[in-house]
C-alpha atoms as a PDB file:
ATOM      1  CA  MET A   1     103.085  13.051-153.140  1.00  0.00           C
ATOM      2  CA  LYS A   2     106.782  15.097-151.725  1.00  0.00           C
ATOM      3  CA  ILE A   3     109.093  13.780-154.187  1.00  0.00           C
ATOM      4  CA  TYR A   4     113.346  14.429-152.477  1.00  0.00           C
ATOM      5  CA  GLY A   5     116.261  14.427-153.970  1.00  0.00           C
ATOM      6  CA  ILE A   6     119.559  12.919-152.289  1.00  0.00           C
ATOM      7  CA  ASP A   7     122.924  13.148-153.052  1.00  0.00           C
ATOM      8  CA  ILE A   8     124.269  11.140-151.384  1.00  0.00           C
ATOM      9  CA  GLY A   9     127.670  11.022-149.446  1.00  0.00           C
ATOM     10  CA  LEU A  10     129.173  13.608-146.186  1.00  0.00           C
ATOM     11  CA  SER A  11     128.949  16.277-147.955  1.00  0.00           C
ATOM     12  CA  GLY A  12     125.774  16.020-150.116  1.00  0.00           C
ATOM     13  CA  GLY A  13     122.730  16.989-149.637  1.00  0.00           C
ATOM     14  CA  ILE A  14     118.780  16.525-149.440  1.00  0.00           C
ATOM     15  CA  SER A  15     116.393  18.798-151.684  1.00  0.00           C
ATOM     16  CA  THR A  16     112.420  19.083-152.133  1.00  0.00           C
ATOM     17  CA  ARG A  17     111.294  21.769-154.349  1.00  0.00           C
ATOM     18  CA  TYR A  18     111.565  24.601-152.394  1.00  0.00           C
ATOM     19  CA  ASN A  19     114.078  23.183-148.644  1.00  0.00           C
ATOM     20  CA  HIS A  20     116.776  21.950-149.052  1.00  0.00           C
ATOM     21  CA  TRP A  21     119.477  20.566-146.106  1.00  0.00           C
ATOM     22  CA  SER A  22     122.906  19.681-145.480  1.00  0.00           C
ATOM     23  CA  MET A  23     123.310  15.431-145.410  1.00  0.00           C
ATOM     24  CA  PRO A  24     123.030  14.904-141.562  1.00  0.00           C
ATOM     25  CA  THR A  25     125.967  14.009-140.150  1.00  0.00           C
ATOM     26  CA  ILE A  26     126.874  13.887-135.863  1.00  0.00           C
ATOM     27  CA  ASP A  27     130.823  13.470-134.691  1.00  0.00           C
ATOM     28  CA  VAL A  28     131.886   9.841-133.674  1.00  0.00           C
ATOM     29  CA  GLU A  29     134.830   9.700-131.563  1.00  0.00           C
ATOM     30  CA  ASP A  30     137.198   7.609-132.650  1.00  0.00           C
ATOM     31  CA  LYS A  31     139.938   8.013-129.303  1.00  0.00           C
ATOM     32  CA  PRO A  32     139.334   9.932-126.861  1.00  0.00           C
ATOM     33  CA  ALA A  33     141.585  12.982-125.960  1.00  0.00           C
ATOM     34  CA  ILE A  34     145.363  12.403-123.836  1.00  0.00           C
ATOM     35  CA  TYR A  35     145.550  14.286-120.994  1.00  0.00           C
ATOM     36  CA  VAL A  36     148.914  14.845-118.478  1.00  0.00           C
ATOM     37  CA  ASN A  37     148.744  16.194-115.322  1.00  0.00           C
ATOM     38  CA  ASP A  38     151.696  18.710-114.713  1.00  0.00           C
ATOM     39  CA  LEU A  39     153.874  18.042-112.374  1.00  0.00           C
ATOM     40  CA  CYS A  40     156.259  19.817-110.253  1.00  0.00           C
ATOM     41  CA  ASN A  41     158.339  17.953-108.366  1.00  0.00           C
ATOM     42  CA  GLY A  42     156.950  15.118-109.024  1.00  0.00           C
ATOM     43  CA  LYS A  43     153.498  16.003-106.931  1.00  0.00           C
ATOM     44  CA  LYS A  44     150.113  17.059-109.187  1.00  0.00           C
ATOM     45  CA  GLN A  45     148.986  20.737-109.264  1.00  0.00           C
ATOM     46  CA  TYR A  46     146.013  21.996-108.157  1.00  0.00           C
ATOM     47  CA  TYR A  47     143.800  25.124-108.903  1.00  0.00           C
ATOM     48  CA  LYS A  48     143.946  27.249-105.672  1.00  0.00           C
ATOM     49  CA  SER A  49     140.713  29.580-106.464  1.00  0.00           C
ATOM     50  CA  GLY A  50     138.145  29.913-109.068  1.00  0.00           C
ATOM     51  CA  SER A  51     135.013  27.616-110.462  1.00  0.00           C
ATOM     52  CA  LYS A  52     138.002  24.916-110.205  1.00  0.00           C
ATOM     53  CA  LYS A  53     139.839  25.423-107.228  1.00  0.00           C
ATOM     54  CA  GLY A  54     140.753  21.923-105.863  1.00  0.00           C
ATOM     55  CA  GLU A  55     140.078  20.003-109.408  1.00  0.00           C
ATOM     56  CA  VAL A  56     143.971  18.912-110.888  1.00  0.00           C
ATOM     57  CA  LYS A  57     145.647  21.102-113.989  1.00  0.00           C
ATOM     58  CA  ARG A  58     144.984  19.048-116.951  1.00  0.00           C
ATOM     59  CA  LYS A  59     147.456  19.466-120.051  1.00  0.00           C
ATOM     60  CA  LEU A  60     146.045  17.838-123.237  1.00  0.00           C
ATOM     61  CA  LYS A  61     148.145  15.835-124.660  1.00  0.00           C
ATOM     62  CA  THR A  62     146.839  14.882-127.548  1.00  0.00           C
ATOM     63  CA  PRO A  63     143.530  15.879-128.918  1.00  0.00           C
ATOM     64  CA  ALA A  64     140.318  13.622-130.036  1.00  0.00           C
ATOM     65  CA  LYS A  65     140.174  11.751-132.817  1.00  0.00           C
ATOM     66  CA  ASN A  66     137.291  11.967-134.616  1.00  0.00           C
ATOM     67  CA  HIS A  67     135.298  11.133-137.766  1.00  0.00           C
ATOM     68  CA  LYS A  68     131.781  12.037-139.642  1.00  0.00           C
ATOM     69  CA  GLU A  69     129.186   9.711-139.869  1.00  0.00           C
ATOM     70  CA  LEU A  70     125.261  10.120-140.955  1.00  0.00           C
ATOM     71  CA  ASP A  71     122.763  11.081-138.817  1.00  0.00           C
ATOM     72  CA  LEU A  72     119.726   8.889-139.501  1.00  0.00           C
ATOM     73  CA  PHE A  73     117.048  10.106-136.994  1.00  0.00           C
ATOM     74  CA  GLU A  74     117.725  13.513-138.262  1.00  0.00           C
ATOM     75  CA  LEU A  75     117.508  11.918-142.254  1.00  0.00           C
ATOM     76  CA  ASP A  76     114.759  10.295-140.827  1.00  0.00           C
ATOM     77  CA  SER A  77     112.885  13.409-139.205  1.00  0.00           C
ATOM     78  CA  ILE A  78     113.560  14.822-142.721  1.00  0.00           C
ATOM     79  CA  ILE A  79     112.044  12.462-144.848  1.00  0.00           C
ATOM     80  CA  SER A  80     108.430  12.201-144.672  1.00  0.00           C
ATOM     81  CA  ASN A  81     106.904   8.438-145.187  1.00  0.00           C
ATOM     82  CA  HIS A  82     105.183   7.286-147.869  1.00  0.00           C
ATOM     83  CA  SER A  83     107.261   9.646-150.263  1.00  0.00           C
ATOM     84  CA  THR A  84     108.951   9.598-153.856  1.00  0.00           C
ATOM     85  CA  VAL A  85     112.848   9.660-153.356  1.00  0.00           C
ATOM     86  CA  VAL A  86     114.857  10.098-156.252  1.00  0.00           C
ATOM     87  CA  ILE A  87     118.529   8.768-154.464  1.00  0.00           C
ATOM     88  CA  GLU A  88     122.000   9.089-156.598  1.00  0.00           C
ATOM     89  CA  THR A  89     123.972   5.929-156.565  1.00  0.00           C
ATOM     90  CA  PRO A  90     127.450   5.960-156.071  1.00  0.00           C
ATOM     91  CA  GLY A  91     129.834   6.781-158.828  1.00  0.00           C
ATOM     92  CA  ILE A  92     133.100   4.834-160.314  1.00  0.00           C
ATOM     93  CA  SER A  93     135.266   4.940-157.299  1.00  0.00           C
ATOM     94  CA  MET A  94     138.698   3.803-159.934  1.00  0.00           C
ATOM     95  CA  GLY A  95     141.385   6.280-157.936  1.00  0.00           C
ATOM     96  CA  ASN A  96     139.278   6.887-154.800  1.00  0.00           C
ATOM     97  CA  ALA A  97     140.578   5.288-152.411  1.00  0.00           C
ATOM     98  CA  ALA A  98     139.795   1.822-150.569  1.00  0.00           C
ATOM     99  CA  ARG A  99     138.426   3.419-147.268  1.00  0.00           C
ATOM    100  CA  SER A 100     136.610   6.149-149.268  1.00  0.00           C
ATOM    101  CA  THR A 101     135.439   4.316-151.413  1.00  0.00           C
ATOM    102  CA  ALA A 102     133.674   2.380-148.444  1.00  0.00           C
ATOM    103  CA  THR A 103     132.309   4.226-146.027  1.00  0.00           C
ATOM    104  CA  THR A 104     130.236   6.020-149.198  1.00  0.00           C
ATOM    105  CA  GLN A 105     128.901   2.585-149.854  1.00  0.00           C
ATOM    106  CA  ARG A 106     127.713   1.987-146.391  1.00  0.00           C
ATOM    107  CA  ASN A 107     126.529   5.372-145.749  1.00  0.00           C
ATOM    108  CA  TYR A 108     123.881   4.188-149.443  1.00  0.00           C
ATOM    109  CA  GLY A 109     123.093   1.320-147.551  1.00  0.00           C
ATOM    110  CA  LYS A 110     122.487   3.203-144.102  1.00  0.00           C
ATOM    111  CA  ILE A 111     119.949   5.707-146.326  1.00  0.00           C
ATOM    112  CA  LEU A 112     118.322   2.697-148.052  1.00  0.00           C
ATOM    113  CA  ALA A 113     117.389   1.188-145.101  1.00  0.00           C
ATOM    114  CA  THR A 114     116.041   4.250-143.957  1.00  0.00           C
ATOM    115  CA  LEU A 115     114.205   5.351-146.478  1.00  0.00           C
ATOM    116  CA  GLU A 116     112.643   1.145-146.877  1.00  0.00           C
ATOM    117  CA  LEU A 117     111.299   1.668-142.933  1.00  0.00           C
ATOM    118  CA  LYS A 118     109.539   4.873-143.783  1.00  0.00           C
ATOM    119  CA  HIS A 119     108.268   2.593-146.993  1.00  0.00           C
ATOM    120  CA  CYS A 120     109.370   5.215-149.526  1.00  0.00           C
ATOM    121  CA  GLU A 121     109.057   5.263-152.949  1.00  0.00           C
ATOM    122  CA  ILE A 122     113.282   4.970-153.859  1.00  0.00           C
ATOM    123  CA  ILE A 123     114.341   5.581-157.733  1.00  0.00           C
ATOM    124  CA  LYS A 124     117.928   4.883-157.415  1.00  0.00           C
ATOM    125  CA  VAL A 125     120.376   6.968-160.814  1.00  0.00           C
ATOM    126  CA  ALA A 126     123.490   7.143-161.722  1.00  0.00           C
ATOM    127  CA  PRO A 127     125.253  10.645-161.676  1.00  0.00           C
ATOM    128  CA  MET A 128     125.840   9.971-165.091  1.00  0.00           C
ATOM    129  CA  LYS A 129     122.390   9.580-166.338  1.00  0.00           C
ATOM    130  CA  TRP A 130     120.998  12.513-164.261  1.00  0.00           C
ATOM    131  CA  LYS A 131     124.218  15.262-164.765  1.00  0.00           C
ATOM    132  CA  LYS A 132     123.842  14.237-169.075  1.00  0.00           C
ATOM    133  CA  ASP A 133     120.596  14.694-169.270  1.00  0.00           C
ATOM    134  CA  LEU A 134     120.735  17.848-167.952  1.00  0.00           C
ATOM    135  CA  LYS A 135     124.102  18.355-170.189  1.00  0.00           C
ATOM    136  CA  LEU A 136     126.002  18.918-167.080  1.00  0.00           C
ATOM    137  CA  SER A 137     130.183  17.978-166.095  1.00  0.00           C
ATOM    138  CA  LYS A 138     131.796  16.842-163.651  1.00  0.00           C
ATOM    139  CA  ASP A 139     132.015  21.093-162.774  1.00  0.00           C
ATOM    140  CA  LYS A 140     130.285  21.788-159.616  1.00  0.00           C
ATOM    141  CA  THR A 141     130.429  25.242-160.730  1.00  0.00           C
ATOM    142  CA  GLN A 142     128.144  24.138-163.674  1.00  0.00           C
ATOM    143  CA  SER A 143     125.560  22.209-161.133  1.00  0.00           C
ATOM    144  CA  VAL A 144     126.126  25.524-158.539  1.00  0.00           C
ATOM    145  CA  ASN A 145     124.781  27.784-161.422  1.00  0.00           C
ATOM    146  CA  MET A 146     122.616  25.819-162.836  1.00  0.00           C
ATOM    147  CA  ALA A 147     120.116  24.826-159.484  1.00  0.00           C
ATOM    148  CA  GLU A 148     120.253  28.276-158.938  1.00  0.00           C
ATOM    149  CA  MET A 149     119.042  29.670-162.013  1.00  0.00           C
ATOM    150  CA  LEU A 150     116.346  27.198-161.730  1.00  0.00           C
ATOM    151  CA  SER A 151     115.014  27.279-158.246  1.00  0.00           C
ATOM    152  CA  GLY A 152     115.901  30.984-157.342  1.00  0.00           C
ATOM    153  CA  ASN A 153     118.326  29.623-154.418  1.00  0.00           C
ATOM    154  CA  SER A 154     121.586  30.749-153.947  1.00  0.00           C
ATOM    155  CA  PHE A 155     123.755  27.671-153.149  1.00  0.00           C
ATOM    156  CA  ARG A 156     126.678  29.366-151.887  1.00  0.00           C
ATOM    157  CA  THR A 157     127.976  30.271-148.483  1.00  0.00           C
ATOM    158  CA  ALA A 158     128.377  33.277-147.212  1.00  0.00           C
ATOM    159  CA  ARG A 159     132.423  34.129-148.640  1.00  0.00           C
ATOM    160  CA  GLY A 160     130.917  32.116-152.284  1.00  0.00           C
ATOM    161  CA  SER A 161     132.434  28.885-151.370  1.00  0.00           C
ATOM    162  CA  LEU A 162     129.681  25.920-153.091  1.00  0.00           C
ATOM    163  CA  ILE A 163     127.165  24.022-151.807  1.00  0.00           C
ATOM    164  CA  ASP A 164     126.889  21.046-154.087  1.00  0.00           C
ATOM    165  CA  GLY A 165     125.371  18.702-152.353  1.00  0.00           C
ATOM    166  CA  GLN A 166     122.313  20.530-151.825  1.00  0.00           C
ATOM    167  CA  ALA A 167     122.826  22.126-155.338  1.00  0.00           C
ATOM    168  CA  GLU A 168     122.940  18.544-156.545  1.00  0.00           C
ATOM    169  CA  ALA A 169     119.939  16.983-155.411  1.00  0.00           C
ATOM    170  CA  PHE A 170     118.096  19.369-155.619  1.00  0.00           C
ATOM    171  CA  LEU A 171     118.851  19.297-159.714  1.00  0.00           C
ATOM    172  CA  ILE A 172     118.138  15.008-158.914  1.00  0.00           C
ATOM    173  CA  ARG A 173     114.827  15.848-157.831  1.00  0.00           C
ATOM    174  CA  HIS A 174     114.355  18.265-161.171  1.00  0.00           C
ATOM    175  CA  TRP A 175     116.118  15.557-163.470  1.00  0.00           C
ATOM    176  CA  TYR A 176     113.219  13.335-162.215  1.00  0.00           C
ATOM    177  CA  VAL A 177     110.156  15.859-162.365  1.00  0.00           C
ATOM    178  CA  ILE A 178     111.554  16.598-165.528  1.00  0.00           C
ATOM    179  CA  GLU A 179     111.861  12.666-166.950  1.00  0.00           C
ATOM    180  CA  GLU A 180     108.671  11.472-165.007  1.00  0.00           C
ATOM    181  CA  GLY A 181     106.544  14.926-166.596  1.00  0.00           C
ATOM    182  CA  ILE A 182     104.874  15.609-163.403  1.00  0.00           C
ATOM    183  CA  ASP A 183     103.550  19.355-162.394  1.00  0.00           C
ATOM    184  CA  ASP A 184     106.068  20.416-160.167  1.00  0.00           C
ATOM    185  CA  ASP A 185     103.657  23.724-158.815  1.00  0.00           C
END
């Protein structure tokens, strides 16, 4: 039986005992880029040589507007059928923007739907519960340090930035293994 831990959110993560993934995302274009043709005396300018010969010269006026969404197809390929998945429920959103809260809730629903379609056993845990049981605070550094100690893996980039989503996914899974008394070797 495979057990996964999931830290929801676009910067969250997915973890088994030995493998860790960033939350899979894709870029979705909200508004396309706007180009303006360079005008010279009221006429379009064309490239005269090179690989773009004959094409109209274009100048970027406004870059494209994008946002990230969950890549459910990639999530589907990571999670095995009939697995146990321990997923963190959305936390208290006091002080967060309404849009951020709505995005988190929508992504949580998408993840749950994907897991149900794969016939996974879904275990939901509040962030306050697993962090309290593991004696952790809201400090991400504390979570990363504990995950590194328990897993033997580094949850930091080459420049030392924390990869807290994957670390917390590992800890959520670890919490469940301890809670249920499962032999994790």
